[in-house]
Amino acid sequence: MLNAKRYRALKYRGPGTDLTLGLPDGHIWMSGQSTSRTGIRFAPNLPTEEVFTIADRTGVDGTVRAYRCILCGKARELAAVASAKLRALGGR
């Protein structure tokens, strides 16, 4: 269904967030579903309604804000960030 829609971008808006993620031509929506060696289809560790695709790296524009604690860094050197604001323009 999503592959037939041919979306050009995803738009996210909310408090402190106004972000556009451009999607490349020919992108494909996929799910976490897989097939075992014996041909049985299954969805490991994912709800079946989750899907994903890829963004166009030059088509990320806007601001996103996180208001909850975020853990950053490597496993042994985690740092907690109370909130963060990120800005992207043309994928940078």
Protein backbone atom coordinates (compact mmCIF):
# COMPACT_ATOMS: atom_id res chain seq x y z
CA MET A 1 0.00 0.00 0.00
CA LEU A 2 2.64 2.58 0.99
CA ASN A 3 4.82 1.75 -2.01
CA ALA A 4 1.89 2.60 -4.31
CA LYS A 5 1.49 6.06 -2.69
CA ARG A 6 4.94 7.27 -3.90
CA TYR A 7 5.27 9.90 -1.15
CA ARG A 8 7.89 12.58 -1.87
CA ALA A 9 8.43 13.59 1.77
CA LEU A 10 7.32 13.06 5.36
CA LYS A 11 6.44 16.12 7.45
CA TYR A 12 6.64 16.14 11.26
CA ARG A 13 5.18 19.01 13.29
CA GLY A 14 4.81 19.43 17.02
CA PRO A 15 6.01 21.59 19.93
CA GLY A 16 9.52 22.69 18.90
CA THR A 17 9.50 20.43 15.83
CA ASP A 18 8.99 21.32 12.17
CA LEU A 19 10.89 18.73 10.15
CA THR A 20 10.67 17.54 6.55
CA LEU A 21 12.31 14.28 5.50
CA GLY A 22 12.56 14.05 1.73
CA LEU A 23 12.25 10.57 0.25
CA PRO A 24 14.36 9.51 -2.75
CA ASP A 25 12.78 8.45 -6.03
CA GLY A 26 12.17 4.72 -6.03
CA HIS A 27 12.22 4.34 -2.23
CA ILE A 28 10.61 1.16 -0.91
CA TRP A 29 8.64 0.72 2.32
CA MET A 30 9.53 -2.48 4.19
CA SER A 31 8.47 -4.17 7.39
CA GLY A 32 10.46 -6.07 9.96
CA GLN A 33 8.87 -9.27 8.72
CA SER A 34 11.25 -12.00 7.62
CA THR A 35 11.15 -15.57 6.32
CA SER A 36 12.87 -18.46 8.07
CA ARG A 37 15.02 -21.02 6.26
CA THR A 38 12.01 -23.34 6.30
CA GLY A 39 9.74 -20.73 4.66
CA ILE A 40 7.83 -19.57 7.74
CA ARG A 41 7.14 -15.79 7.81
CA PHE A 42 7.65 -14.05 11.17
CA ALA A 43 8.18 -10.59 12.71
CA PRO A 44 11.07 -10.81 15.21
CA ASN A 45 10.99 -8.25 18.04
CA LEU A 46 8.74 -5.84 16.13
CA PRO A 47 5.04 -5.11 16.17
CA THR A 48 3.72 -6.12 12.76
CA GLU A 49 2.48 -2.60 11.95
CA GLU A 50 5.98 -1.04 11.99
CA VAL A 51 7.41 -0.11 8.59
CA PHE A 52 10.53 1.73 7.45
CA THR A 53 12.14 3.29 4.40
CA ILE A 54 15.16 5.51 3.72
CA ALA A 55 15.33 9.31 3.63
CA ASP A 56 17.07 11.36 0.96
CA ARG A 57 20.19 12.57 2.80
CA THR A 58 20.02 15.96 1.06
CA GLY A 59 16.30 16.35 1.75
CA VAL A 60 16.32 16.69 5.54
CA ASP A 61 15.22 20.21 6.50
CA GLY A 62 13.92 21.77 9.69
CA THR A 63 14.13 21.54 13.43
CA VAL A 64 13.42 18.68 15.80
CA ARG A 65 13.26 19.01 19.56
CA ALA A 66 13.43 16.29 22.21
CA TYR A 67 12.02 17.09 25.63
CA ARG A 68 12.72 13.79 27.36
CA CYS A 69 16.00 12.50 28.68
CA ILE A 70 18.22 11.10 25.93
CA LEU A 71 21.18 8.80 26.54
CA CYS A 72 24.18 9.60 24.32
CA GLY A 73 27.55 7.97 23.88
CA LYS A 74 29.02 4.50 24.10
CA ALA A 75 27.73 1.86 26.50
CA ARG A 76 30.41 2.56 29.14
CA GLU A 77 30.37 6.35 28.75
CA LEU A 78 26.69 7.25 28.61
CA ALA A 79 25.69 10.84 29.26
CA ALA A 80 22.13 11.96 29.92
CA VAL A 81 20.86 14.99 28.01
CA ALA A 82 17.72 16.58 29.48
CA SER A 83 16.58 18.06 26.16
CA ALA A 84 18.00 18.70 22.71
CA LYS A 85 17.25 20.80 19.66
CA LEU A 86 18.67 19.88 16.25
CA ARG A 87 18.48 21.87 13.02
CA ALA A 88 19.11 20.53 9.52
CA LEU A 89 19.18 22.34 6.19
CA GLY A 90 19.75 20.45 2.95
CA GLY A 91 20.73 17.34 4.89
CA ARG A 92 23.36 19.12 7.01
